[in-house]
Amino acid sequence: MTSVMNVIGGKWKIIILYHLRGSILRFGELKKRIPHITQKMLTQQLRELERDGLVKRTVYPEVPPRVEYQSTYLSDELRPIIDMLCDWGERQQAESKL
């Protein structure tokens, strides 16, 4: 469990993976979808996710440079778990409103 938490733990990684599922996004697009994350933290988390094989970073040799991020097969395996977490969160929110 410790090794799993080292890879996907923290406040932002699951949120980043949620937004990347089925999408190819540039840094600015991700930042807009996660407005409360700082630029520094988003950069750090993306680097860690890339290092751990959960995010693919593609740099295009253009001016200005274009960089895109997308999920990998490893992070795609986490989709059902992320979906269950989202469902659980929605149920908890609904129950707390009662």
PDB file of N, CA and C in Angstrom:
ATOM      1  N   MET A   1       0.820  -1.192   0.000  1.00  0.00           N
ATOM      2  CA  MET A   1       0.000   0.000   0.000  1.00  0.00           C
ATOM      3  C   MET A   1       0.868   1.262   0.000  1.00  0.00           C
ATOM      4  N   THR A   2       1.996   1.200   0.684  1.00  0.00           N
ATOM      5  CA  THR A   2       2.884   2.361   0.728  1.00  0.00           C
ATOM      6  C   THR A   2       3.369   2.733  -0.664  1.00  0.00           C
ATOM      7  N   SER A   3       3.726   1.734  -1.466  1.00  0.00           N
ATOM      8  CA  SER A   3       4.217   2.029  -2.813  1.00  0.00           C
ATOM      9  C   SER A   3       3.117   2.646  -3.681  1.00  0.00           C
ATOM     10  N   VAL A   4       1.881   2.203  -3.487  1.00  0.00           N
ATOM     11  CA  VAL A   4       0.750   2.773  -4.230  1.00  0.00           C
ATOM     12  C   VAL A   4       0.567   4.235  -3.847  1.00  0.00           C
ATOM     13  N   MET A   5       0.594   4.518  -2.558  1.00  0.00           N
ATOM     14  CA  MET A   5       0.392   5.894  -2.095  1.00  0.00           C
ATOM     15  C   MET A   5       1.547   6.796  -2.519  1.00  0.00           C
ATOM     16  N   ASN A   6       2.745   6.239  -2.641  1.00  0.00           N
ATOM     17  CA  ASN A   6       3.870   7.034  -3.130  1.00  0.00           C
ATOM     18  C   ASN A   6       3.646   7.470  -4.573  1.00  0.00           C
ATOM     19  N   VAL A   7       2.939   6.650  -5.342  1.00  0.00           N
ATOM     20  CA  VAL A   7       2.710   6.949  -6.755  1.00  0.00           C
ATOM     21  C   VAL A   7       1.486   7.835  -6.963  1.00  0.00           C
ATOM     22  N   ILE A   8       0.369   7.552  -6.282  1.00  0.00           N
ATOM     23  CA  ILE A   8      -0.867   8.306  -6.551  1.00  0.00           C
ATOM     24  C   ILE A   8      -1.343   9.128  -5.364  1.00  0.00           C
ATOM     25  N   GLY A   9      -0.581   9.125  -4.283  1.00  0.00           N
ATOM     26  CA  GLY A   9      -0.998   9.866  -3.096  1.00  0.00           C
ATOM     27  C   GLY A   9      -0.851  11.369  -3.281  1.00  0.00           C
ATOM     28  N   GLY A  10      -1.379  12.088  -2.337  1.00  0.00           N
ATOM     29  CA  GLY A  10      -1.308  13.542  -2.390  1.00  0.00           C
ATOM     30  C   GLY A  10      -2.633  14.138  -2.812  1.00  0.00           C
ATOM     31  N   LYS A  11      -2.693  15.427  -2.702  1.00  0.00           N
ATOM     32  CA  LYS A  11      -3.946  16.146  -2.935  1.00  0.00           C
ATOM     33  C   LYS A  11      -4.336  16.211  -4.413  1.00  0.00           C
ATOM     34  N   TRP A  12      -3.362  16.229  -5.319  1.00  0.00           N
ATOM     35  CA  TRP A  12      -3.657  16.588  -6.699  1.00  0.00           C
ATOM     36  C   TRP A  12      -3.568  15.468  -7.722  1.00  0.00           C
ATOM     37  N   LYS A  13      -2.833  14.411  -7.451  1.00  0.00           N
ATOM     38  CA  LYS A  13      -2.561  13.415  -8.497  1.00  0.00           C
ATOM     39  C   LYS A  13      -3.820  12.741  -9.028  1.00  0.00           C
ATOM     40  N   ILE A  14      -4.714  12.335  -8.153  1.00  0.00           N
ATOM     41  CA  ILE A  14      -5.955  11.695  -8.613  1.00  0.00           C
ATOM     42  C   ILE A  14      -6.784  12.687  -9.427  1.00  0.00           C
ATOM     43  N   ILE A  15      -6.789  13.939  -9.012  1.00  0.00           N
ATOM     44  CA  ILE A  15      -7.546  14.967  -9.740  1.00  0.00           C
ATOM     45  C   ILE A  15      -6.954  15.169 -11.132  1.00  0.00           C
ATOM     46  N   ILE A  16      -5.635  15.210 -11.222  1.00  0.00           N
ATOM     47  CA  ILE A  16      -4.973  15.352 -12.521  1.00  0.00           C
ATOM     48  C   ILE A  16      -5.305  14.151 -13.408  1.00  0.00           C
ATOM     49  N   LEU A  17      -5.194  12.956 -12.854  1.00  0.00           N
ATOM     50  CA  LEU A  17      -5.502  11.751 -13.635  1.00  0.00           C
ATOM     51  C   LEU A  17      -6.964  11.733 -14.073  1.00  0.00           C
ATOM     52  N   TYR A  18      -7.851  12.216 -13.224  1.00  0.00           N
ATOM     53  CA  TYR A  18      -9.273  12.292 -13.576  1.00  0.00           C
ATOM     54  C   TYR A  18      -9.467  13.167 -14.821  1.00  0.00           C
ATOM     55  N   HIS A  19      -8.808  14.310 -14.846  1.00  0.00           N
ATOM     56  CA  HIS A  19      -8.984  15.229 -15.972  1.00  0.00           C
ATOM     57  C   HIS A  19      -8.280  14.752 -17.242  1.00  0.00           C
ATOM     58  N   LEU A  20      -7.255  13.936 -17.096  1.00  0.00           N
ATOM     59  CA  LEU A  20      -6.536  13.447 -18.275  1.00  0.00           C
ATOM     60  C   LEU A  20      -7.166  12.210 -18.896  1.00  0.00           C
ATOM     61  N   ARG A  21      -8.072  11.551 -18.176  1.00  0.00           N
ATOM     62  CA  ARG A  21      -8.619  10.304 -18.708  1.00  0.00           C
ATOM     63  C   ARG A  21      -9.381  10.559 -20.000  1.00  0.00           C
ATOM     64  N   GLY A  22      -8.915   9.899 -21.034  1.00  0.00           N
ATOM     65  CA  GLY A  22      -9.550  10.028 -22.339  1.00  0.00           C
ATOM     66  C   GLY A  22      -9.289  11.347 -23.039  1.00  0.00           C
ATOM     67  N   SER A  23      -8.359  12.140 -22.515  1.00  0.00           N
ATOM     68  CA  SER A  23      -8.085  13.456 -23.097  1.00  0.00           C
ATOM     69  C   SER A  23      -6.593  13.646 -23.313  1.00  0.00           C
ATOM     70  N   ILE A  24      -6.281  14.509 -24.237  1.00  0.00           N
ATOM     71  CA  ILE A  24      -4.921  15.004 -24.406  1.00  0.00           C
ATOM     72  C   ILE A  24      -5.014  16.496 -24.126  1.00  0.00           C
ATOM     73  N   LEU A  25      -4.309  16.942 -23.089  1.00  0.00           N
ATOM     74  CA  LEU A  25      -4.432  18.333 -22.655  1.00  0.00           C
ATOM     75  C   LEU A  25      -3.073  19.008 -22.567  1.00  0.00           C
ATOM     76  N   ARG A  26      -3.085  20.289 -22.853  1.00  0.00           N
ATOM     77  CA  ARG A  26      -1.899  21.103 -22.635  1.00  0.00           C
ATOM     78  C   ARG A  26      -1.911  21.598 -21.194  1.00  0.00           C
ATOM     79  N   PHE A  27      -0.762  22.096 -20.754  1.00  0.00           N
ATOM     80  CA  PHE A  27      -0.613  22.535 -19.371  1.00  0.00           C
ATOM     81  C   PHE A  27      -1.687  23.558 -18.998  1.00  0.00           C
ATOM     82  N   GLY A  28      -1.878  24.558 -19.837  1.00  0.00           N
ATOM     83  CA  GLY A  28      -2.852  25.610 -19.555  1.00  0.00           C
ATOM     84  C   GLY A  28      -4.276  25.087 -19.453  1.00  0.00           C
ATOM     85  N   GLU A  29      -4.604  24.101 -20.274  1.00  0.00           N
ATOM     86  CA  GLU A  29      -5.940  23.503 -20.212  1.00  0.00           C
ATOM     87  C   GLU A  29      -6.142  22.765 -18.893  1.00  0.00           C
ATOM     88  N   LEU A  30      -5.112  22.039 -18.471  1.00  0.00           N
ATOM     89  CA  LEU A  30      -5.191  21.351 -17.179  1.00  0.00           C
ATOM     90  C   LEU A  30      -5.331  22.357 -16.048  1.00  0.00           C
ATOM     91  N   LYS A  31      -4.553  23.428 -16.122  1.00  0.00           N
ATOM     92  CA  LYS A  31      -4.588  24.458 -15.076  1.00  0.00           C
ATOM     93  C   LYS A  31      -5.982  25.073 -14.978  1.00  0.00           C
ATOM     94  N   LYS A  32      -6.633  25.304 -16.104  1.00  0.00           N
ATOM     95  CA  LYS A  32      -7.990  25.858 -16.091  1.00  0.00           C
ATOM     96  C   LYS A  32      -8.987  24.895 -15.463  1.00  0.00           C
ATOM     97  N   ARG A  33      -8.785  23.607 -15.677  1.00  0.00           N
ATOM     98  CA  ARG A  33      -9.703  22.609 -15.117  1.00  0.00           C
ATOM     99  C   ARG A  33      -9.490  22.396 -13.622  1.00  0.00           C
ATOM    100  N   ILE A  34      -8.296  22.757 -13.138  1.00  0.00           N
ATOM    101  CA  ILE A  34      -7.971  22.600 -11.714  1.00  0.00           C
ATOM    102  C   ILE A  34      -7.518  23.971 -11.200  1.00  0.00           C
ATOM    103  N   PRO A  35      -8.439  24.907 -11.038  1.00  0.00           N
ATOM    104  CA  PRO A  35      -8.058  26.297 -10.762  1.00  0.00           C
ATOM    105  C   PRO A  35      -7.331  26.533  -9.441  1.00  0.00           C
ATOM    106  N   HIS A  36      -7.511  25.675  -8.449  1.00  0.00           N
ATOM    107  CA  HIS A  36      -6.900  25.936  -7.142  1.00  0.00           C
ATOM    108  C   HIS A  36      -5.471  25.423  -7.023  1.00  0.00           C
ATOM    109  N   ILE A  37      -4.990  24.700  -8.021  1.00  0.00           N
ATOM    110  CA  ILE A  37      -3.613  24.208  -7.975  1.00  0.00           C
ATOM    111  C   ILE A  37      -2.674  25.300  -8.484  1.00  0.00           C
ATOM    112  N   THR A  38      -1.528  25.440  -7.840  1.00  0.00           N
ATOM    113  CA  THR A  38      -0.556  26.426  -8.311  1.00  0.00           C
ATOM    114  C   THR A  38       0.187  25.861  -9.518  1.00  0.00           C
ATOM    115  N   GLN A  39       0.764  26.759 -10.286  1.00  0.00           N
ATOM    116  CA  GLN A  39       1.527  26.347 -11.452  1.00  0.00           C
ATOM    117  C   GLN A  39       2.695  25.451 -11.031  1.00  0.00           C
ATOM    118  N   LYS A  40       3.356  25.833  -9.955  1.00  0.00           N
ATOM    119  CA  LYS A  40       4.496  25.067  -9.452  1.00  0.00           C
ATOM    120  C   LYS A  40       4.069  23.654  -9.051  1.00  0.00           C
ATOM    121  N   MET A  41       2.959  23.540  -8.345  1.00  0.00           N
ATOM    122  CA  MET A  41       2.489  22.230  -7.891  1.00  0.00           C
ATOM    123  C   MET A  41       2.036  21.372  -9.066  1.00  0.00           C
ATOM    124  N   LEU A  42       1.351  21.979 -10.043  1.00  0.00           N
ATOM    125  CA  LEU A  42       0.922  21.219 -11.217  1.00  0.00           C
ATOM    126  C   LEU A  42       2.138  20.676 -11.963  1.00  0.00           C
ATOM    127  N   THR A  43       3.146  21.510 -12.131  1.00  0.00           N
ATOM    128  CA  THR A  43       4.378  21.077 -12.792  1.00  0.00           C
ATOM    129  C   THR A  43       5.016  19.919 -12.040  1.00  0.00           C
ATOM    130  N   GLN A  44       5.124  20.053 -10.730  1.00  0.00           N
ATOM    131  CA  GLN A  44       5.740  19.013  -9.901  1.00  0.00           C
ATOM    132  C   GLN A  44       4.966  17.700  -9.985  1.00  0.00           C
ATOM    133  N   GLN A  45       3.646  17.785  -9.865  1.00  0.00           N
ATOM    134  CA  GLN A  45       2.822  16.581  -9.888  1.00  0.00           C
ATOM    135  C   GLN A  45       2.861  15.903 -11.257  1.00  0.00           C
ATOM    136  N   LEU A  46       2.841  16.692 -12.336  1.00  0.00           N
ATOM    137  CA  LEU A  46       2.932  16.118 -13.681  1.00  0.00           C
ATOM    138  C   LEU A  46       4.273  15.413 -13.877  1.00  0.00           C
ATOM    139  N   ARG A  47       5.348  16.018 -13.382  1.00  0.00           N
ATOM    140  CA  ARG A  47       6.671  15.386 -13.498  1.00  0.00           C
ATOM    141  C   ARG A  47       6.708  14.055 -12.761  1.00  0.00           C
ATOM    142  N   GLU A  48       6.131  14.029 -11.557  1.00  0.00           N
ATOM    143  CA  GLU A  48       6.110  12.788 -10.781  1.00  0.00           C
ATOM    144  C   GLU A  48       5.255  11.722 -11.467  1.00  0.00           C
ATOM    145  N   LEU A  49       4.101  12.131 -11.980  1.00  0.00           N
ATOM    146  CA  LEU A  49       3.232  11.178 -12.678  1.00  0.00           C
ATOM    147  C   LEU A  49       3.906  10.650 -13.944  1.00  0.00           C
ATOM    148  N   GLU A  50       4.631  11.521 -14.637  1.00  0.00           N
ATOM    149  CA  GLU A  50       5.370  11.089 -15.827  1.00  0.00           C
ATOM    150  C   GLU A  50       6.490  10.125 -15.428  1.00  0.00           C
ATOM    151  N   ARG A  51       7.225  10.458 -14.389  1.00  0.00           N
ATOM    152  CA  ARG A  51       8.309   9.600 -13.909  1.00  0.00           C
ATOM    153  C   ARG A  51       7.802   8.202 -13.544  1.00  0.00           C
ATOM    154  N   ASP A  52       6.600   8.151 -12.969  1.00  0.00           N
ATOM    155  CA  ASP A  52       6.029   6.881 -12.532  1.00  0.00           C
ATOM    156  C   ASP A  52       5.246   6.159 -13.630  1.00  0.00           C
ATOM    157  N   GLY A  53       5.243   6.723 -14.839  1.00  0.00           N
ATOM    158  CA  GLY A  53       4.621   6.050 -15.972  1.00  0.00           C
ATOM    159  C   GLY A  53       3.120   6.199 -16.080  1.00  0.00           C
ATOM    160  N   LEU A  54       2.543   7.151 -15.337  1.00  0.00           N
ATOM    161  CA  LEU A  54       1.090   7.338 -15.363  1.00  0.00           C
ATOM    162  C   LEU A  54       0.648   8.431 -16.332  1.00  0.00           C
ATOM    163  N   VAL A  55       1.584   9.269 -16.745  1.00  0.00           N
ATOM    164  CA  VAL A  55       1.282  10.356 -17.677  1.00  0.00           C
ATOM    165  C   VAL A  55       2.361  10.365 -18.755  1.00  0.00           C
ATOM    166  N   LYS A  56       1.921  10.558 -19.989  1.00  0.00           N
ATOM    167  CA  LYS A  56       2.852  10.703 -21.107  1.00  0.00           C
ATOM    168  C   LYS A  56       2.918  12.179 -21.476  1.00  0.00           C
ATOM    169  N   ARG A  57       4.128  12.683 -21.579  1.00  0.00           N
ATOM    170  CA  ARG A  57       4.368  14.083 -21.952  1.00  0.00           C
ATOM    171  C   ARG A  57       4.964  14.083 -23.353  1.00  0.00           C
ATOM    172  N   THR A  58       4.327  14.827 -24.254  1.00  0.00           N
ATOM    173  CA  THR A  58       4.811  14.921 -25.626  1.00  0.00           C
ATOM    174  C   THR A  58       5.151  16.372 -25.925  1.00  0.00           C
ATOM    175  N   VAL A  59       6.398  16.600 -26.358  1.00  0.00           N
ATOM    176  CA  VAL A  59       6.860  17.943 -26.709  1.00  0.00           C
ATOM    177  C   VAL A  59       6.979  18.005 -28.225  1.00  0.00           C
ATOM    178  N   TYR A  60       6.338  19.001 -28.816  1.00  0.00           N
ATOM    179  CA  TYR A  60       6.386  19.182 -30.260  1.00  0.00           C
ATOM    180  C   TYR A  60       7.402  20.268 -30.591  1.00  0.00           C
ATOM    181  N   PRO A  61       8.255  20.023 -31.587  1.00  0.00           N
ATOM    182  CA  PRO A  61       9.297  20.999 -31.942  1.00  0.00           C
ATOM    183  C   PRO A  61       8.721  22.162 -32.745  1.00  0.00           C
ATOM    184  N   GLU A  62       7.995  23.007 -32.061  1.00  0.00           N
ATOM    185  CA  GLU A  62       7.361  24.165 -32.687  1.00  0.00           C
ATOM    186  C   GLU A  62       7.785  25.418 -31.935  1.00  0.00           C
ATOM    187  N   VAL A  63       7.531  26.548 -32.540  1.00  0.00           N
ATOM    188  CA  VAL A  63       7.756  27.824 -31.862  1.00  0.00           C
ATOM    189  C   VAL A  63       6.429  28.549 -31.829  1.00  0.00           C
ATOM    190  N   PRO A  64       5.895  28.856 -30.648  1.00  0.00           N
ATOM    191  CA  PRO A  64       6.383  28.447 -29.329  1.00  0.00           C
ATOM    192  C   PRO A  64       6.184  26.949 -29.119  1.00  0.00           C
ATOM    193  N   PRO A  65       6.952  26.368 -28.191  1.00  0.00           N
ATOM    194  CA  PRO A  65       6.846  24.925 -27.954  1.00  0.00           C
ATOM    195  C   PRO A  65       5.441  24.526 -27.513  1.00  0.00           C
ATOM    196  N   ARG A  66       5.021  23.371 -27.988  1.00  0.00           N
ATOM    197  CA  ARG A  66       3.719  22.831 -27.585  1.00  0.00           C
ATOM    198  C   ARG A  66       3.977  21.534 -26.831  1.00  0.00           C
ATOM    199  N   VAL A  67       3.417  21.446 -25.626  1.00  0.00           N
ATOM    200  CA  VAL A  67       3.576  20.257 -24.790  1.00  0.00           C
ATOM    201  C   VAL A  67       2.185  19.744 -24.451  1.00  0.00           C
ATOM    202  N   GLU A  68       1.982  18.443 -24.645  1.00  0.00           N
ATOM    203  CA  GLU A  68       0.694  17.831 -24.337  1.00  0.00           C
ATOM    204  C   GLU A  68       0.885  16.690 -23.352  1.00  0.00           C
ATOM    205  N   TYR A  69      -0.139  16.499 -22.535  1.00  0.00           N
ATOM    206  CA  TYR A  69      -0.136  15.436 -21.534  1.00  0.00           C
ATOM    207  C   TYR A  69      -1.324  14.519 -21.786  1.00  0.00           C
ATOM    208  N   GLN A  70      -1.094  13.227 -21.578  1.00  0.00           N
ATOM    209  CA  GLN A  70      -2.182  12.264 -21.717  1.00  0.00           C
ATOM    210  C   GLN A  70      -1.943  11.094 -20.771  1.00  0.00           C
ATOM    211  N   SER A  71      -3.013  10.363 -20.516  1.00  0.00           N
ATOM    212  CA  SER A  71      -2.903   9.197 -19.645  1.00  0.00           C
ATOM    213  C   SER A  71      -2.180   8.074 -20.386  1.00  0.00           C
ATOM    214  N   THR A  72      -1.641   7.140 -19.617  1.00  0.00           N
ATOM    215  CA  THR A  72      -0.989   5.961 -20.179  1.00  0.00           C
ATOM    216  C   THR A  72      -1.831   4.734 -19.841  1.00  0.00           C
ATOM    217  N   TYR A  73      -1.413   3.589 -20.341  1.00  0.00           N
ATOM    218  CA  TYR A  73      -2.156   2.361 -20.022  1.00  0.00           C
ATOM    219  C   TYR A  73      -2.158   2.096 -18.521  1.00  0.00           C
ATOM    220  N   LEU A  74      -1.085   2.496 -17.820  1.00  0.00           N
ATOM    221  CA  LEU A  74      -1.053   2.298 -16.365  1.00  0.00           C
ATOM    222  C   LEU A  74      -2.125   3.135 -15.671  1.00  0.00           C
ATOM    223  N   SER A  75      -2.239   4.395 -16.064  1.00  0.00           N
ATOM    224  CA  SER A  75      -3.265   5.227 -15.427  1.00  0.00           C
ATOM    225  C   SER A  75      -4.657   4.846 -15.909  1.00  0.00           C
ATOM    226  N   ASP A  76      -4.760   4.322 -17.128  1.00  0.00           N
ATOM    227  CA  ASP A  76      -6.063   3.848 -17.606  1.00  0.00           C
ATOM    228  C   ASP A  76      -6.573   2.691 -16.744  1.00  0.00           C
ATOM    229  N   GLU A  77      -5.650   1.899 -16.200  1.00  0.00           N
ATOM    230  CA  GLU A  77      -6.052   0.812 -15.298  1.00  0.00           C
ATOM    231  C   GLU A  77      -6.668   1.347 -14.007  1.00  0.00           C
ATOM    232  N   LEU A  78      -6.356   2.589 -13.664  1.00  0.00           N
ATOM    233  CA  LEU A  78      -6.902   3.203 -12.448  1.00  0.00           C
ATOM    234  C   LEU A  78      -8.291   3.800 -12.653  1.00  0.00           C
ATOM    235  N   ARG A  79      -8.751   3.894 -13.890  1.00  0.00           N
ATOM    236  CA  ARG A  79     -10.052   4.530 -14.165  1.00  0.00           C
ATOM    237  C   ARG A  79     -11.195   3.982 -13.324  1.00  0.00           C
ATOM    238  N   PRO A  80     -11.361   2.661 -13.232  1.00  0.00           N
ATOM    239  CA  PRO A  80     -12.475   2.162 -12.411  1.00  0.00           C
ATOM    240  C   PRO A  80     -12.359   2.601 -10.948  1.00  0.00           C
ATOM    241  N   ILE A  81     -11.150   2.656 -10.444  1.00  0.00           N
ATOM    242  CA  ILE A  81     -10.944   3.074  -9.052  1.00  0.00           C
ATOM    243  C   ILE A  81     -11.271   4.553  -8.895  1.00  0.00           C
ATOM    244  N   ILE A  82     -10.817   5.365  -9.843  1.00  0.00           N
ATOM    245  CA  ILE A  82     -11.110   6.801  -9.800  1.00  0.00           C
ATOM    246  C   ILE A  82     -12.613   7.027  -9.915  1.00  0.00           C
ATOM    247  N   ASP A  83     -13.278   6.270 -10.794  1.00  0.00           N
ATOM    248  CA  ASP A  83     -14.737   6.380 -10.926  1.00  0.00           C
ATOM    249  C   ASP A  83     -15.438   6.030  -9.614  1.00  0.00           C
ATOM    250  N   MET A  84     -14.963   4.964  -8.950  1.00  0.00           N
ATOM    251  CA  MET A  84     -15.565   4.584  -7.664  1.00  0.00           C
ATOM    252  C   MET A  84     -15.357   5.674  -6.617  1.00  0.00           C
ATOM    253  N   LEU A  85     -14.179   6.293  -6.607  1.00  0.00           N
ATOM    254  CA  LEU A  85     -13.922   7.389  -5.666  1.00  0.00           C
ATOM    255  C   LEU A  85     -14.850   8.573  -5.938  1.00  0.00           C
ATOM    256  N   CYS A  86     -15.055   8.887  -7.217  1.00  0.00           N
ATOM    257  CA  CYS A  86     -15.969   9.984  -7.577  1.00  0.00           C
ATOM    258  C   CYS A  86     -17.392   9.670  -7.132  1.00  0.00           C
ATOM    259  N   ASP A  87     -17.841   8.453  -7.398  1.00  0.00           N
ATOM    260  CA  ASP A  87     -19.187   8.041  -6.982  1.00  0.00           C
ATOM    261  C   ASP A  87     -19.331   8.116  -5.469  1.00  0.00           C
ATOM    262  N   TRP A  88     -18.329   7.637  -4.754  1.00  0.00           N
ATOM    263  CA  TRP A  88     -18.353   7.670  -3.291  1.00  0.00           C
ATOM    264  C   TRP A  88     -18.436   9.116  -2.798  1.00  0.00           C
ATOM    265  N   GLY A  89     -17.629   9.991  -3.396  1.00  0.00           N
ATOM    266  CA  GLY A  89     -17.641  11.399  -3.006  1.00  0.00           C
ATOM    267  C   GLY A  89     -18.990  12.056  -3.244  1.00  0.00           C
ATOM    268  N   GLU A  90     -19.610  11.742  -4.373  1.00  0.00           N
ATOM    269  CA  GLU A  90     -20.933  12.300  -4.672  1.00  0.00           C
ATOM    270  C   GLU A  90     -21.974  11.809  -3.675  1.00  0.00           C
ATOM    271  N   ARG A  91     -21.906  10.526  -3.304  1.00  0.00           N
ATOM    272  CA  ARG A  91     -22.840   9.992  -2.306  1.00  0.00           C
ATOM    273  C   ARG A  91     -22.627  10.661  -0.948  1.00  0.00           C
ATOM    274  N   GLN A  92     -21.382  10.858  -0.573  1.00  0.00           N
ATOM    275  CA  GLN A  92     -21.092  11.498   0.712  1.00  0.00           C
ATOM    276  C   GLN A  92     -21.605  12.935   0.729  1.00  0.00           C
ATOM    277  N   GLN A  93     -21.426  13.624  -0.385  1.00  0.00           N
ATOM    278  CA  GLN A  93     -21.916  14.999  -0.494  1.00  0.00           C
ATOM    279  C   GLN A  93     -23.432  15.038  -0.390  1.00  0.00           C
ATOM    280  N   ALA A  94     -24.095  14.124  -1.084  1.00  0.00           N
ATOM    281  CA  ALA A  94     -25.560  14.075  -1.059  1.00  0.00           C
ATOM    282  C   ALA A  94     -26.062  13.752   0.342  1.00  0.00           C
ATOM    283  N   GLU A  95     -25.409  12.826   1.018  1.00  0.00           N
ATOM    284  CA  GLU A  95     -25.827  12.445   2.369  1.00  0.00           C
ATOM    285  C   GLU A  95     -25.593  13.570   3.372  1.00  0.00           C
ATOM    286  N   SER A  96     -24.546  14.340   3.173  1.00  0.00           N
ATOM    287  CA  SER A  96     -24.263  15.421   4.123  1.00  0.00           C
ATOM    288  C   SER A  96     -25.252  16.576   3.967  1.00  0.00           C
ATOM    289  N   LYS A  97     -25.933  16.647   2.818  1.00  0.00           N
ATOM    290  CA  LYS A  97     -26.937  17.696   2.596  1.00  0.00           C
ATOM    291  C   LYS A  97     -28.277  17.344   3.217  1.00  0.00           C
ATOM    292  N   LEU A  98     -28.456  16.075   3.589  1.00  0.00           N
ATOM    293  CA  LEU A  98     -29.739  15.648   4.170  1.00  0.00           C
ATOM    294  C   LEU A  98     -29.907  16.146   5.574  1.00  0.00           C
TER     295      LEU A  98
END
